Amino acid sequence: MRYLPLVHAVATVALDPPPLLEPAQLERYADAAVRSCLGLREGDDLLLTGDPAHRELLVALAASGYRAGAGFVDVVYVEPRARAARMRLAAEEHLGALPSWERSRLRALRKPTTCAVTVLGEGDIGAFDDVPPQRLATEFARLGKARRPFTLASQRGFLRWVGMAWPTPAWASRVYPELVVEEAERRLAHDLLHFCRLGPDDPPGLEGWTTHTAALVERGRTLTELGLTRLELRGPGTRLDLALAPGSRWLGGPRTNAHGYTVAGNFPTEENFTSPDPSGTEGTFSCSRPLVIRGRVIEGIAGEFRGGRLVRLKAATEADRRALADALAADRGAQRLGEVALVDRTSRIGRAGRTYFTTLIDENAAAHIAFGYGFDRSREPGSPGRVNRSSLHLDVMIGTDDCEATGITGEGRRVPLLEGGTWRVP
């Protein structure tokens, strides 16, 4: 009998990295979205959508939903590489198609007892790099049109939806390139808690968040009561004059939807906003932060409006300018404004001094404008003022620490809104 030599095996144990948040912090973050932002009630169904890299938060959200009494929680993972493969390889006529089950899911979201969370934060930043730009633009333009009925339903208060974020290695490394990946993710996770008023220095429970958003609601009422008919925005490279339609309402923070639920769609949020007259914007603008669109970082954005329409567009490179121009060619309304939002220099996101490379966060760092569709709820009932009906909505940040915003009433009275980047209204 032959004996094989005894080999001493050396066991290697793969240690899982420490969680990005302590269990209690993660639970608090998830509960704030489910209970406060969505107002989930017993028996409601909850749809969660995110990247595979968001699994930790998605599982926490599911648990939060069931603790709040959800009847069913469904989790849908979107694989960026599979989506990129479809955009590269599918027949052109199939780009932007919504399969029947996706339409059914979107229709179900209109039910009063159904709500949704979308988790943001790129898990695979280069996923779309090999997709031809024209096919990429076609995909998103057609998707915007196909989803338009559901976008309108959301704007009119028939959908309960909230967008929130979760760190991924790729995204965190872009925000904190000087840190090792694990530390960058943890730092970003704690930033998100801080922005949502859930940090260690904030009041316990959800008190910090609810107090902050209540102040946004109250400022929206104050701005609405001013009866502004025009808005002037001034800053480095920006000199914009915007017409505001009669009956315009300024919004911010949670709102009561058509089914009686109180919903906060952005988590975090710092803005007060309205929809300008789509034909009444004149002047120039210069962006203070880069825009990330379809995985591409576009810097140096600037342009000019005449008669409400974008007539000149610049970016740091010609390739970036073309990519942005392709996006703004989605339809006739995409080159007109649908939103103007004011954010002052006390914003926690702005004070962090970083670009976060996702619109959910960066739009709450500074004043911004948005190309494309506007919001019906920014008009008083029966108001004759028009709202942009584009299928696109694309925010670009123009605010700086010395941004000036002045409102003009129907009687011609000038009302300082932002001076030196700071609110002048309560």
Protein backbone atom coordinates (compact mmCIF):
# COMPACT_ATOMS: atom_id res chain seq x y z
CA MET A 1 0.00 0.00 0.00
CA ARG A 2 1.30 3.39 -0.90
CA TYR A 3 0.79 6.20 1.48
CA LEU A 4 0.40 9.68 0.23
CA PRO A 5 2.45 12.19 2.14
CA LEU A 6 0.50 14.18 4.67
CA VAL A 7 0.13 17.75 3.59
CA HIS A 8 -0.63 20.24 6.28
CA ALA A 9 -3.41 22.41 4.91
CA VAL A 10 -3.39 26.05 5.84
CA ALA A 11 -6.89 27.35 6.27
CA THR A 12 -7.57 30.81 4.99
CA VAL A 13 -10.58 32.63 6.27
CA ALA A 14 -12.00 35.43 4.19
CA LEU A 15 -13.08 38.12 6.59
CA ASP A 16 -16.06 40.14 5.50
CA PRO A 17 -15.37 43.86 5.59
CA PRO A 18 -17.13 45.69 8.39
CA PRO A 19 -20.59 46.98 7.47
CA LEU A 20 -20.81 50.50 6.12
CA LEU A 21 -23.21 51.43 8.90
CA GLU A 22 -23.97 49.99 12.29
CA PRO A 23 -27.17 47.90 12.27
CA ALA A 24 -29.10 50.56 14.19
CA GLN A 25 -27.95 53.27 11.74
CA LEU A 26 -28.95 51.22 8.72
CA GLU A 27 -32.34 50.41 10.25
CA ARG A 28 -32.93 54.09 11.00
CA TYR A 29 -32.04 55.08 7.42
CA ALA A 30 -34.39 52.46 5.97
CA ASP A 31 -37.19 53.28 8.40
CA ALA A 32 -36.98 56.98 7.55
CA ALA A 33 -37.54 56.21 3.86
CA VAL A 34 -40.33 53.68 4.40
CA ARG A 35 -42.22 55.25 7.30
CA SER A 36 -41.59 58.99 6.84
CA CYS A 37 -40.92 59.53 3.12
CA LEU A 38 -43.54 57.01 1.92
CA GLY A 39 -45.84 56.82 4.93
CA LEU A 40 -46.23 53.07 4.42
CA ARG A 41 -49.34 51.69 6.10
CA GLU A 42 -50.35 48.20 7.11
CA GLY A 43 -51.24 46.10 4.07
CA ASP A 44 -49.43 48.31 1.54
CA ASP A 45 -47.22 46.68 -1.10
CA LEU A 46 -43.67 47.97 -1.59
CA LEU A 47 -41.53 47.79 -4.75
CA LEU A 48 -37.76 48.21 -4.30
CA THR A 49 -35.49 48.81 -7.29
CA GLY A 50 -31.71 49.04 -7.33
CA ASP A 51 -28.36 47.81 -8.55
CA PRO A 52 -26.90 44.52 -7.24
CA ALA A 53 -24.38 46.70 -5.38
CA HIS A 54 -27.26 48.11 -3.30
CA ARG A 55 -28.21 44.76 -1.79
CA GLU A 56 -27.41 45.73 1.82
CA LEU A 57 -29.81 48.66 1.78
CA LEU A 58 -32.47 46.86 -0.26
CA VAL A 59 -32.61 44.05 2.29
CA ALA A 60 -32.86 46.61 5.11
CA LEU A 61 -35.68 48.39 3.27
CA ALA A 62 -37.54 45.10 2.84
CA ALA A 63 -37.23 44.40 6.56
CA SER A 64 -38.39 47.93 7.35
CA GLY A 65 -41.39 47.46 5.07
CA TYR A 66 -42.46 44.29 6.80
CA ARG A 67 -41.95 45.84 10.24
CA ALA A 68 -44.29 48.63 9.15
CA GLY A 69 -46.93 46.08 8.09
CA ALA A 70 -46.31 45.72 4.34
CA GLY A 71 -48.35 43.01 2.66
CA PHE A 72 -45.61 42.20 0.14
CA VAL A 73 -42.18 43.62 -0.67
CA ASP A 74 -40.79 42.97 -4.16
CA VAL A 75 -37.12 43.60 -4.99
CA VAL A 76 -36.08 44.23 -8.61
CA TYR A 77 -32.37 44.29 -9.42
CA VAL A 78 -31.28 46.14 -12.55
CA GLU A 79 -28.05 44.76 -14.03
CA PRO A 80 -26.19 47.61 -15.81
CA ARG A 81 -24.10 45.34 -18.08
CA ALA A 82 -27.18 43.45 -19.28
CA ARG A 83 -28.88 46.74 -20.04
CA ALA A 84 -25.81 47.97 -21.91
CA ALA A 85 -25.75 44.74 -23.94
CA ARG A 86 -29.34 45.33 -25.02
CA MET A 87 -28.55 48.88 -26.09
CA ARG A 88 -25.55 47.69 -28.11
CA LEU A 89 -27.02 44.57 -29.68
CA ALA A 90 -30.82 44.73 -29.85
CA ALA A 91 -32.53 45.67 -33.09
CA GLU A 92 -32.92 49.42 -33.33
CA GLU A 93 -36.72 49.22 -33.27
CA HIS A 94 -36.58 47.54 -29.85
CA LEU A 95 -34.60 50.30 -28.16
CA GLY A 96 -36.61 52.01 -25.44
CA ALA A 97 -39.21 49.26 -25.35
CA LEU A 98 -41.12 48.54 -22.14
CA PRO A 99 -42.00 44.85 -21.78
CA SER A 100 -45.55 43.99 -20.77
CA TRP A 101 -44.57 43.01 -17.23
CA GLU A 102 -42.85 46.35 -16.70
CA ARG A 103 -45.98 48.18 -17.86
CA SER A 104 -48.06 46.07 -15.48
CA ARG A 105 -45.72 46.90 -12.62
CA LEU A 106 -45.91 50.62 -13.39
CA ARG A 107 -49.70 50.49 -13.61
CA ALA A 108 -49.82 48.75 -10.24
CA LEU A 109 -47.89 51.66 -8.73
CA ARG A 110 -50.91 53.90 -9.34
CA LYS A 111 -52.90 51.97 -6.75
CA PRO A 112 -53.26 53.84 -3.44
CA THR A 113 -51.85 50.87 -1.53
CA THR A 114 -48.66 50.50 -3.60
CA CYS A 115 -45.43 52.46 -3.12
CA ALA A 116 -41.83 52.31 -4.33
CA VAL A 117 -38.23 53.11 -3.45
CA THR A 118 -35.52 53.51 -6.09
CA VAL A 119 -31.96 53.22 -4.76
CA LEU A 120 -29.36 55.28 -6.63
CA GLY A 121 -25.57 55.17 -6.72
CA GLU A 122 -23.70 53.80 -9.71
CA GLY A 123 -22.42 50.29 -9.14
CA ASP A 124 -20.69 49.96 -12.51
CA ILE A 125 -19.61 53.38 -13.73
CA GLY A 126 -18.24 52.24 -17.10
CA ALA A 127 -21.17 50.01 -18.04
CA PHE A 128 -22.37 52.21 -20.91
CA ASP A 129 -18.95 53.26 -22.24
CA ASP A 130 -19.14 50.97 -25.28
CA VAL A 131 -22.70 51.90 -26.24
CA PRO A 132 -22.78 54.13 -29.35
CA PRO A 133 -23.94 57.59 -28.22
CA GLN A 134 -26.82 57.73 -30.70
CA ARG A 135 -28.22 54.40 -29.54
CA LEU A 136 -27.87 55.53 -25.93
CA ALA A 137 -29.78 58.73 -26.70
CA THR A 138 -32.47 56.79 -28.59
CA GLU A 139 -32.93 54.35 -25.70
CA PHE A 140 -33.47 57.05 -23.09
CA ALA A 141 -35.59 59.30 -25.31
CA ARG A 142 -37.98 56.46 -26.13
CA LEU A 143 -38.08 55.25 -22.54
CA GLY A 144 -38.98 58.75 -21.41
CA LYS A 145 -41.90 58.84 -23.83
CA ALA A 146 -43.04 55.31 -22.94
CA ARG A 147 -43.01 56.16 -19.25
CA ARG A 148 -44.64 59.55 -19.70
CA PRO A 149 -48.11 58.45 -18.47
CA PHE A 150 -46.52 57.19 -15.28
CA THR A 151 -44.36 60.31 -14.91
CA LEU A 152 -47.50 62.42 -15.20
CA ALA A 153 -49.25 60.23 -12.64
CA SER A 154 -46.35 60.81 -10.26
CA GLN A 155 -46.36 64.58 -10.82
CA ARG A 156 -50.11 64.70 -10.19
CA GLY A 157 -49.79 62.85 -6.92
CA PHE A 158 -51.01 59.39 -7.85
CA LEU A 159 -47.73 57.56 -7.17
CA ARG A 160 -45.87 57.14 -3.89
CA TRP A 161 -42.19 57.05 -4.73
CA VAL A 162 -38.92 58.06 -3.10
CA GLY A 163 -35.35 58.11 -4.41
CA MET A 164 -32.46 57.56 -2.00
CA ALA A 165 -28.81 56.54 -2.31
CA TRP A 166 -26.40 53.85 -1.17
CA PRO A 167 -22.60 53.80 -1.54
CA THR A 168 -20.95 51.47 -4.02
CA PRO A 169 -17.19 50.95 -4.38
CA ALA A 170 -17.11 52.69 -7.76
CA TRP A 171 -19.23 55.65 -6.72
CA ALA A 172 -17.48 56.13 -3.36
CA SER A 173 -14.06 56.09 -5.03
CA ARG A 174 -15.19 58.80 -7.42
CA VAL A 175 -16.36 61.01 -4.53
CA TYR A 176 -13.38 60.24 -2.25
CA PRO A 177 -10.49 59.37 -4.60
CA GLU A 178 -7.92 60.02 -1.86
CA LEU A 179 -9.26 57.20 0.35
CA VAL A 180 -9.03 53.43 0.09
CA VAL A 181 -12.27 51.96 -1.21
CA GLU A 182 -13.65 50.62 2.07
CA GLU A 183 -13.04 53.89 3.89
CA ALA A 184 -14.51 55.88 0.99
CA GLU A 185 -17.71 53.80 1.16
CA ARG A 186 -18.04 54.29 4.91
CA ARG A 187 -17.39 58.03 4.61
CA LEU A 188 -20.04 58.32 1.89
CA ALA A 189 -22.54 56.30 3.94
CA HIS A 190 -22.09 58.67 6.88
CA ASP A 191 -22.43 61.66 4.54
CA LEU A 192 -25.82 60.34 3.44
CA LEU A 193 -26.99 60.03 7.04
CA HIS A 194 -25.77 63.57 7.76
CA PHE A 195 -27.58 64.98 4.72
CA CYS A 196 -30.80 63.24 5.79
CA ARG A 197 -30.55 64.63 9.36
CA LEU A 198 -29.94 61.14 10.74
CA GLY A 199 -26.34 61.61 11.91
CA PRO A 200 -24.96 61.28 15.45
CA ASP A 201 -25.32 65.03 16.06
CA ASP A 202 -28.96 65.12 14.94
CA PRO A 203 -32.01 64.67 17.19
CA PRO A 204 -33.06 61.07 17.88
CA GLY A 205 -35.41 59.13 15.67
CA LEU A 206 -36.72 61.05 12.67
CA GLU A 207 -37.09 64.40 14.43
CA GLY A 208 -34.20 66.07 12.59
CA TRP A 209 -35.56 65.05 9.19
CA THR A 210 -39.17 66.04 9.91
CA THR A 211 -38.16 69.41 11.38
CA HIS A 212 -35.98 70.19 8.36
CA THR A 213 -38.61 69.24 5.79
CA ALA A 214 -41.33 71.13 7.66
CA ALA A 215 -39.19 74.27 7.26
CA LEU A 216 -39.00 73.66 3.50
CA VAL A 217 -42.79 73.36 3.31
CA GLU A 218 -43.22 76.61 5.21
CA ARG A 219 -40.72 78.48 3.02
CA GLY A 220 -42.58 77.23 -0.05
CA ARG A 221 -45.78 78.79 1.33
CA THR A 222 -43.96 82.08 1.97
CA LEU A 223 -42.56 82.19 -1.56
CA THR A 224 -45.96 81.38 -3.06
CA GLU A 225 -47.66 84.15 -1.07
CA LEU A 226 -45.25 86.71 -2.56
CA GLY A 227 -47.07 86.34 -5.90
CA LEU A 228 -43.88 86.51 -7.97
CA THR A 229 -44.18 86.91 -11.74
CA ARG A 230 -40.47 86.99 -12.59
CA LEU A 231 -37.24 85.63 -11.18
CA GLU A 232 -33.73 86.96 -11.75
CA LEU A 233 -30.74 84.66 -11.16
CA ARG A 234 -27.25 86.15 -11.03
CA GLY A 235 -23.89 84.51 -10.46
CA PRO A 236 -20.55 83.83 -12.15
CA GLY A 237 -21.43 83.34 -15.83
CA THR A 238 -25.16 83.31 -15.04
CA ARG A 239 -27.60 86.07 -15.86
CA LEU A 240 -31.02 84.51 -16.27
CA ASP A 241 -34.46 86.12 -16.28
CA LEU A 242 -37.36 83.69 -15.92
CA ALA A 243 -41.08 84.36 -16.33
CA LEU A 244 -43.28 82.74 -13.69
CA ALA A 245 -46.83 81.90 -14.72
CA PRO A 246 -49.84 83.35 -12.88
CA GLY A 247 -50.85 81.05 -10.06
CA SER A 248 -47.38 79.58 -9.61
CA ARG A 249 -46.75 77.66 -6.41
CA TRP A 250 -43.36 77.14 -4.79
CA LEU A 251 -42.83 73.69 -3.37
CA GLY A 252 -40.38 71.92 -1.11
CA GLY A 253 -40.37 69.06 1.35
CA PRO A 254 -43.18 66.50 1.70
CA ARG A 255 -46.60 66.93 0.10
CA THR A 256 -49.98 65.26 0.50
CA ASN A 257 -50.70 63.20 -2.60
CA ALA A 258 -53.98 62.47 -4.36
CA HIS A 259 -54.64 59.50 -2.08
CA GLY A 260 -54.06 61.38 1.17
CA TYR A 261 -50.53 60.10 1.87
CA THR A 262 -47.72 62.46 2.86
CA VAL A 263 -44.81 61.77 0.50
CA ALA A 264 -41.26 63.12 0.30
CA GLY A 265 -39.90 62.11 -3.10
CA ASN A 266 -36.23 63.02 -2.58
CA PHE A 267 -34.24 61.74 0.38
CA PRO A 268 -32.30 63.98 1.10
CA THR A 269 -33.71 67.33 -0.02
CA GLU A 270 -32.74 70.99 0.44
CA GLU A 271 -34.63 72.77 -2.35
CA ASN A 272 -37.60 75.04 -2.87
CA PHE A 273 -38.72 74.96 -6.48
CA THR A 274 -41.33 75.92 -9.04
CA SER A 275 -41.90 75.46 -12.77
CA PRO A 276 -41.28 78.60 -14.85
CA ASP A 277 -43.20 79.53 -17.98
CA PRO A 278 -41.51 77.34 -20.64
CA SER A 279 -41.47 80.21 -23.14
CA GLY A 280 -40.21 82.91 -20.79
CA THR A 281 -36.52 82.31 -20.05
CA GLU A 282 -33.87 84.73 -21.34
CA GLY A 283 -30.14 85.01 -20.76
CA THR A 284 -27.04 82.97 -20.05
CA PHE A 285 -26.07 80.35 -17.51
CA SER A 286 -22.89 78.62 -16.39
CA CYS A 287 -22.90 75.40 -14.38
CA SER A 288 -21.08 75.31 -11.07
CA ARG A 289 -20.95 71.50 -10.85
CA PRO A 290 -20.51 68.72 -13.39
CA LEU A 291 -23.47 66.73 -14.66
CA VAL A 292 -23.48 62.94 -14.69
CA ILE A 293 -25.76 61.64 -17.42
CA ARG A 294 -25.94 57.98 -18.42
CA GLY A 295 -22.61 57.29 -16.74
CA ARG A 296 -20.81 60.19 -18.41
CA VAL A 297 -19.37 63.13 -16.43
CA ILE A 298 -19.87 66.39 -18.34
CA GLU A 299 -18.07 69.49 -17.11
CA GLY A 300 -17.96 73.11 -18.19
CA ILE A 301 -21.63 73.30 -19.18
CA ALA A 302 -22.86 76.74 -20.21
CA GLY A 303 -25.50 78.08 -22.56
CA GLU A 304 -27.95 80.76 -23.57
CA PHE A 305 -31.76 80.98 -23.75
CA ARG A 306 -33.81 83.15 -26.07
CA GLY A 307 -37.58 83.11 -26.08
CA GLY A 308 -37.47 80.26 -23.60
CA ARG A 309 -35.46 77.94 -25.84
CA LEU A 310 -31.83 76.90 -25.52
CA VAL A 311 -29.98 78.43 -28.48
CA ARG A 312 -26.37 77.90 -27.45
CA LEU A 313 -24.69 75.07 -25.55
CA LYS A 314 -21.09 74.58 -24.43
CA ALA A 315 -19.20 71.90 -22.52
CA ALA A 316 -15.56 71.22 -21.68
CA THR A 317 -15.15 68.98 -24.74
CA GLU A 318 -16.97 68.74 -28.04
CA ALA A 319 -17.76 65.07 -27.38
CA ASP A 320 -19.41 66.02 -24.09
CA ARG A 321 -21.33 68.85 -25.73
CA ARG A 322 -22.66 66.44 -28.37
CA ALA A 323 -23.66 63.89 -25.74
CA LEU A 324 -25.63 66.51 -23.84
CA ALA A 325 -27.13 67.92 -27.04
CA ASP A 326 -28.28 64.41 -28.00
CA ALA A 327 -30.05 64.09 -24.65
CA LEU A 328 -31.71 67.48 -25.11
CA ALA A 329 -32.97 66.43 -28.55
CA ALA A 330 -35.48 64.04 -26.94
CA ASP A 331 -38.41 66.26 -27.95
CA ARG A 332 -39.32 69.92 -28.49
CA GLY A 333 -39.77 70.63 -24.80
CA ALA A 334 -36.39 69.21 -23.79
CA GLN A 335 -34.61 72.47 -24.71
CA ARG A 336 -36.89 74.54 -22.47
CA LEU A 337 -37.01 74.75 -18.71
CA GLY A 338 -39.40 72.83 -16.49
CA GLU A 339 -37.97 73.74 -13.09
CA VAL A 340 -36.02 76.36 -11.20
CA ALA A 341 -34.91 75.50 -7.67
CA LEU A 342 -33.30 77.63 -5.00
CA VAL A 343 -30.85 76.17 -2.47
CA ASP A 344 -28.83 78.39 -0.18
CA ARG A 345 -25.26 78.08 1.08
CA THR A 346 -26.32 76.54 4.41
CA SER A 347 -27.22 73.30 2.62
CA ARG A 348 -25.37 70.48 4.33
CA ILE A 349 -24.57 69.03 0.92
CA GLY A 350 -23.12 72.28 -0.38
CA ARG A 351 -21.11 72.79 2.80
CA ALA A 352 -19.53 69.35 2.40
CA GLY A 353 -17.46 70.91 -0.40
CA ARG A 354 -17.54 67.86 -2.68
CA THR A 355 -19.20 66.86 -5.90
CA TYR A 356 -21.19 63.66 -5.43
CA PHE A 357 -21.69 62.82 -9.11
CA THR A 358 -25.37 61.96 -8.76
CA THR A 359 -28.20 64.41 -9.34
CA LEU A 360 -30.16 63.32 -6.25
CA ILE A 361 -27.35 64.69 -4.08
CA ASP A 362 -25.76 67.43 -6.18
CA GLU A 363 -29.03 69.19 -7.03
CA ASN A 364 -29.47 69.76 -3.31
CA ALA A 365 -26.08 71.42 -2.99
CA ALA A 366 -26.85 74.50 -5.06
CA ALA A 367 -29.50 76.41 -6.97
CA HIS A 368 -30.34 74.70 -10.23
CA ILE A 369 -32.49 74.69 -13.33
CA ALA A 370 -33.94 71.68 -15.11
CA PHE A 371 -34.52 71.13 -18.78
CA GLY A 372 -37.70 69.31 -19.75
CA TYR A 373 -40.91 68.55 -17.97
CA GLY A 374 -42.37 70.70 -15.24
CA PHE A 375 -44.70 69.95 -12.36
CA ASP A 376 -48.47 70.33 -12.44
CA ARG A 377 -48.52 70.73 -8.68
CA SER A 378 -46.51 73.96 -9.10
CA ARG A 379 -49.72 75.61 -10.35
CA GLU A 380 -52.74 76.59 -8.32
CA PRO A 381 -55.89 74.69 -9.41
CA GLY A 382 -57.41 76.43 -12.42
CA SER A 383 -54.27 78.43 -13.14
CA PRO A 384 -53.87 79.32 -16.84
CA GLY A 385 -50.09 79.00 -16.67
CA ARG A 386 -48.47 76.42 -18.94
CA VAL A 387 -46.20 73.62 -17.76
CA ASN A 388 -43.50 72.03 -19.92
CA ARG A 389 -44.73 68.62 -21.18
CA SER A 390 -41.40 67.15 -22.30
CA SER A 391 -40.61 63.49 -21.62
CA LEU A 392 -37.18 64.53 -20.27
CA HIS A 393 -36.18 66.07 -16.93
CA LEU A 394 -32.51 66.99 -16.57
CA ASP A 395 -31.17 69.11 -13.70
CA VAL A 396 -28.03 71.24 -14.01
CA MET A 397 -26.51 73.11 -11.07
CA ILE A 398 -25.79 76.83 -11.42
CA GLY A 399 -25.69 78.01 -7.79
CA THR A 400 -22.57 79.31 -6.03
CA ASP A 401 -21.78 80.78 -2.62
CA ASP A 402 -22.43 84.25 -4.02
CA CYS A 403 -25.56 83.41 -6.00
CA GLU A 404 -28.21 86.14 -6.09
CA ALA A 405 -31.92 85.47 -6.68
CA THR A 406 -34.46 88.28 -6.86
CA GLY A 407 -38.19 87.87 -7.26
CA ILE A 408 -40.40 90.48 -8.90
CA THR A 409 -44.08 90.76 -8.02
CA GLY A 410 -46.93 91.67 -10.35
CA GLU A 411 -46.76 95.22 -8.96
CA GLY A 412 -43.07 95.46 -9.84
CA ARG A 413 -41.75 95.16 -6.29
CA ARG A 414 -38.31 93.56 -6.10
CA VAL A 415 -37.92 90.95 -3.35
CA PRO A 416 -34.45 89.59 -2.46
CA LEU A 417 -34.69 85.80 -2.15
CA LEU A 418 -31.01 84.83 -2.07
CA GLU A 419 -28.23 87.31 -1.30
CA GLY A 420 -24.64 86.16 -1.08
CA GLY A 421 -25.97 82.65 -1.48
CA THR A 422 -28.09 82.95 1.70
CA TRP A 423 -31.87 82.93 2.07
CA ARG A 424 -33.48 86.31 2.73
CA VAL A 425 -36.95 84.82 3.26
CA PRO A 426 -37.81 82.68 6.30
